[in-house]
Amino acid sequence: MDIAVVDDEKAIREHICALIEEQKPGSRIEAYSTGEELLASGKRFDIVFLDIQMDGINGIEVARNLRQRQEDTVLIFITGIKEYVFDALDLYAFHEHEIPRGGEGCARPKNGCR
């Protein structure tokens, strides 16, 4: 399974990667600090974890772009801002997961992201 994690906060990227590795060992996980990096990669992912509020292109716009290219990608938004819930649902997001900003309470990764 190919999985992307996109968040501008390193601690949160590492936390999500560690959770994925714990739940789905052997998954191919790639981490990106911006939506632009993800889109520029041109890679296709089965699941994309997307922060909504990022510098540059926000997660909602990244998701719109992904939907145009890859309709079957599962989108999971990670955010500390509830106002974006309906925008996320309009893009057929699988789930919206709230994480505290700054990564407080995030576990340190075991293996990290590639």
C-alpha atoms as a PDB file:
ATOM      1  CA  MET A   1       0.000   0.000   0.000  1.00  0.00           C
ATOM      2  CA  ASP A   2       1.375   3.426  -0.979  1.00  0.00           C
ATOM      3  CA  ILE A   3       0.667   6.154   1.557  1.00  0.00           C
ATOM      4  CA  ALA A   4       1.558   9.860   1.606  1.00  0.00           C
ATOM      5  CA  VAL A   5       1.634  12.065   4.694  1.00  0.00           C
ATOM      6  CA  VAL A   6       1.526  15.815   4.037  1.00  0.00           C
ATOM      7  CA  ASP A   7       1.957  18.243   6.938  1.00  0.00           C
ATOM      8  CA  ASP A   8       4.128  21.312   7.383  1.00  0.00           C
ATOM      9  CA  GLU A   9       4.914  20.350  10.998  1.00  0.00           C
ATOM     10  CA  LYS A  10       7.657  17.732  11.240  1.00  0.00           C
ATOM     11  CA  ALA A  11       6.479  16.330  14.609  1.00  0.00           C
ATOM     12  CA  ILE A  12       3.007  15.638  13.221  1.00  0.00           C
ATOM     13  CA  ARG A  13       4.378  14.064  10.010  1.00  0.00           C
ATOM     14  CA  GLU A  14       6.560  11.770  12.110  1.00  0.00           C
ATOM     15  CA  HIS A  15       3.683  10.927  14.454  1.00  0.00           C
ATOM     16  CA  ILE A  16       1.333   9.986  11.596  1.00  0.00           C
ATOM     17  CA  CYS A  17       4.079   7.933   9.903  1.00  0.00           C
ATOM     18  CA  ALA A  18       4.731   6.057  13.159  1.00  0.00           C
ATOM     19  CA  LEU A  19       1.017   5.305  13.580  1.00  0.00           C
ATOM     20  CA  ILE A  20       0.780   4.016  10.008  1.00  0.00           C
ATOM     21  CA  GLU A  21       3.874   1.830  10.423  1.00  0.00           C
ATOM     22  CA  GLU A  22       2.407   0.443  13.645  1.00  0.00           C
ATOM     23  CA  GLN A  23      -0.988  -0.324  12.073  1.00  0.00           C
ATOM     24  CA  LYS A  24       0.139  -1.320   8.567  1.00  0.00           C
ATOM     25  CA  PRO A  25       3.725  -2.648   8.731  1.00  0.00           C
ATOM     26  CA  GLY A  26       5.372  -2.868   5.338  1.00  0.00           C
ATOM     27  CA  SER A  27       3.433   0.038   3.831  1.00  0.00           C
ATOM     28  CA  ARG A  28       5.410   2.349   1.564  1.00  0.00           C
ATOM     29  CA  ILE A  29       5.141   5.719   3.318  1.00  0.00           C
ATOM     30  CA  GLU A  30       6.361   9.005   1.887  1.00  0.00           C
ATOM     31  CA  ALA A  31       6.275  12.279   3.802  1.00  0.00           C
ATOM     32  CA  TYR A  32       5.962  15.770   2.347  1.00  0.00           C
ATOM     33  CA  SER A  33       6.124  19.134   4.096  1.00  0.00           C
ATOM     34  CA  THR A  34       3.996  20.944   1.497  1.00  0.00           C
ATOM     35  CA  GLY A  35       1.171  20.197  -0.864  1.00  0.00           C
ATOM     36  CA  GLU A  36       3.292  21.496  -3.723  1.00  0.00           C
ATOM     37  CA  GLU A  37       5.905  18.791  -3.010  1.00  0.00           C
ATOM     38  CA  LEU A  38       3.248  16.074  -3.117  1.00  0.00           C
ATOM     39  CA  LEU A  39       1.738  17.330  -6.382  1.00  0.00           C
ATOM     40  CA  ALA A  40       5.177  17.815  -7.984  1.00  0.00           C
ATOM     41  CA  SER A  41       6.091  14.209  -7.188  1.00  0.00           C
ATOM     42  CA  GLY A  42       3.461  13.039  -9.669  1.00  0.00           C
ATOM     43  CA  LYS A  43       3.178   9.822  -7.668  1.00  0.00           C
ATOM     44  CA  ARG A  44      -0.042   7.925  -7.172  1.00  0.00           C
ATOM     45  CA  PHE A  45      -1.007   6.974  -3.610  1.00  0.00           C
ATOM     46  CA  ASP A  46      -3.684   4.679  -2.224  1.00  0.00           C
ATOM     47  CA  ILE A  47      -4.118   6.891   0.861  1.00  0.00           C
ATOM     48  CA  VAL A  48      -3.124  10.512   1.469  1.00  0.00           C
ATOM     49  CA  PHE A  49      -3.093  12.071   4.936  1.00  0.00           C
ATOM     50  CA  LEU A  50      -3.369  15.834   4.365  1.00  0.00           C
ATOM     51  CA  ASP A  51      -2.982  18.752   6.730  1.00  0.00           C
ATOM     52  CA  ILE A  52      -5.531  21.389   5.785  1.00  0.00           C
ATOM     53  CA  GLN A  53      -3.811  24.575   6.933  1.00  0.00           C
ATOM     54  CA  MET A  54      -0.369  24.842   5.322  1.00  0.00           C
ATOM     55  CA  ASP A  55       1.659  27.638   3.762  1.00  0.00           C
ATOM     56  CA  GLY A  56       1.287  27.829   0.001  1.00  0.00           C
ATOM     57  CA  ILE A  57      -1.446  25.586  -1.339  1.00  0.00           C
ATOM     58  CA  ASN A  58      -3.688  24.459   1.527  1.00  0.00           C
ATOM     59  CA  GLY A  59      -4.822  20.857   1.936  1.00  0.00           C
ATOM     60  CA  ILE A  60      -8.283  21.503   0.487  1.00  0.00           C
ATOM     61  CA  GLU A  61      -6.767  22.788  -2.775  1.00  0.00           C
ATOM     62  CA  VAL A  62      -4.300  19.892  -2.867  1.00  0.00           C
ATOM     63  CA  ALA A  63      -7.213  17.482  -2.413  1.00  0.00           C
ATOM     64  CA  ARG A  64      -9.143  19.124  -5.259  1.00  0.00           C
ATOM     65  CA  ASN A  65      -6.122  18.671  -7.506  1.00  0.00           C
ATOM     66  CA  LEU A  66      -5.703  15.034  -6.430  1.00  0.00           C
ATOM     67  CA  ARG A  67      -9.396  14.331  -7.068  1.00  0.00           C
ATOM     68  CA  GLN A  68      -8.987  15.547 -10.647  1.00  0.00           C
ATOM     69  CA  ARG A  69      -6.030  13.193 -11.192  1.00  0.00           C
ATOM     70  CA  GLN A  70      -6.839  10.232  -8.917  1.00  0.00           C
ATOM     71  CA  GLU A  71     -10.493   9.821  -8.068  1.00  0.00           C
ATOM     72  CA  ASP A  72      -9.993   6.634  -6.069  1.00  0.00           C
ATOM     73  CA  THR A  73      -7.358   7.952  -3.636  1.00  0.00           C
ATOM     74  CA  VAL A  74      -8.550   7.825  -0.022  1.00  0.00           C
ATOM     75  CA  LEU A  75      -8.149  11.283   1.556  1.00  0.00           C
ATOM     76  CA  ILE A  76      -7.807  11.695   5.311  1.00  0.00           C
ATOM     77  CA  PHE A  77      -7.532  15.264   6.544  1.00  0.00           C
ATOM     78  CA  ILE A  78      -5.535  16.060   9.665  1.00  0.00           C
ATOM     79  CA  THR A  79      -6.296  19.440  11.181  1.00  0.00           C
ATOM     80  CA  GLY A  80      -6.742  21.399  14.352  1.00  0.00           C
ATOM     81  CA  ILE A  81      -9.394  23.612  12.719  1.00  0.00           C
ATOM     82  CA  LYS A  82     -12.996  22.427  12.639  1.00  0.00           C
ATOM     83  CA  GLU A  83     -14.211  25.080  10.151  1.00  0.00           C
ATOM     84  CA  TYR A  84     -12.845  23.007   7.261  1.00  0.00           C
ATOM     85  CA  VAL A  85     -14.930  19.899   7.953  1.00  0.00           C
ATOM     86  CA  PHE A  86     -17.609  20.633   5.331  1.00  0.00           C
ATOM     87  CA  ASP A  87     -15.016  21.569   2.679  1.00  0.00           C
ATOM     88  CA  ALA A  88     -13.292  18.256   3.370  1.00  0.00           C
ATOM     89  CA  LEU A  89     -16.537  16.309   3.107  1.00  0.00           C
ATOM     90  CA  ASP A  90     -17.315  17.973  -0.234  1.00  0.00           C
ATOM     91  CA  LEU A  91     -14.153  16.282  -1.536  1.00  0.00           C
ATOM     92  CA  TYR A  92     -15.298  12.864  -0.325  1.00  0.00           C
ATOM     93  CA  ALA A  93     -12.715  12.735   2.430  1.00  0.00           C
ATOM     94  CA  PHE A  94     -12.686   9.426   4.222  1.00  0.00           C
ATOM     95  CA  HIS A  95     -12.062  10.991   7.619  1.00  0.00           C
ATOM     96  CA  GLU A  96     -11.032  14.244   9.239  1.00  0.00           C
ATOM     97  CA  HIS A  97      -8.709  13.750  12.220  1.00  0.00           C
ATOM     98  CA  GLU A  98      -7.943  16.571  14.639  1.00  0.00           C
ATOM     99  CA  ILE A  99      -4.390  16.780  15.989  1.00  0.00           C
ATOM    100  CA  PRO A 100      -3.130  19.431  18.406  1.00  0.00           C
ATOM    101  CA  ARG A 101      -0.977  22.051  16.656  1.00  0.00           C
ATOM    102  CA  GLY A 102       2.699  21.870  17.448  1.00  0.00           C
ATOM    103  CA  GLY A 103       2.547  18.105  17.871  1.00  0.00           C
ATOM    104  CA  GLU A 104       1.975  18.169  21.636  1.00  0.00           C
ATOM    105  CA  GLY A 105       1.192  14.656  22.742  1.00  0.00           C
ATOM    106  CA  CYS A 106       2.562  13.094  19.558  1.00  0.00           C
ATOM    107  CA  ALA A 107       4.646   9.960  19.998  1.00  0.00           C
ATOM    108  CA  ARG A 108       8.148   9.860  18.600  1.00  0.00           C
ATOM    109  CA  PRO A 109       8.364   7.715  15.463  1.00  0.00           C
ATOM    110  CA  LYS A 110       9.895   4.258  15.582  1.00  0.00           C
ATOM    111  CA  ASN A 111      11.085   4.012  12.004  1.00  0.00           C
ATOM    112  CA  GLY A 112      10.110   7.398  10.594  1.00  0.00           C
ATOM    113  CA  CYS A 113       9.055   8.161   7.039  1.00  0.00           C
ATOM    114  CA  ARG A 114      10.956   7.564   3.879  1.00  0.00           C
END
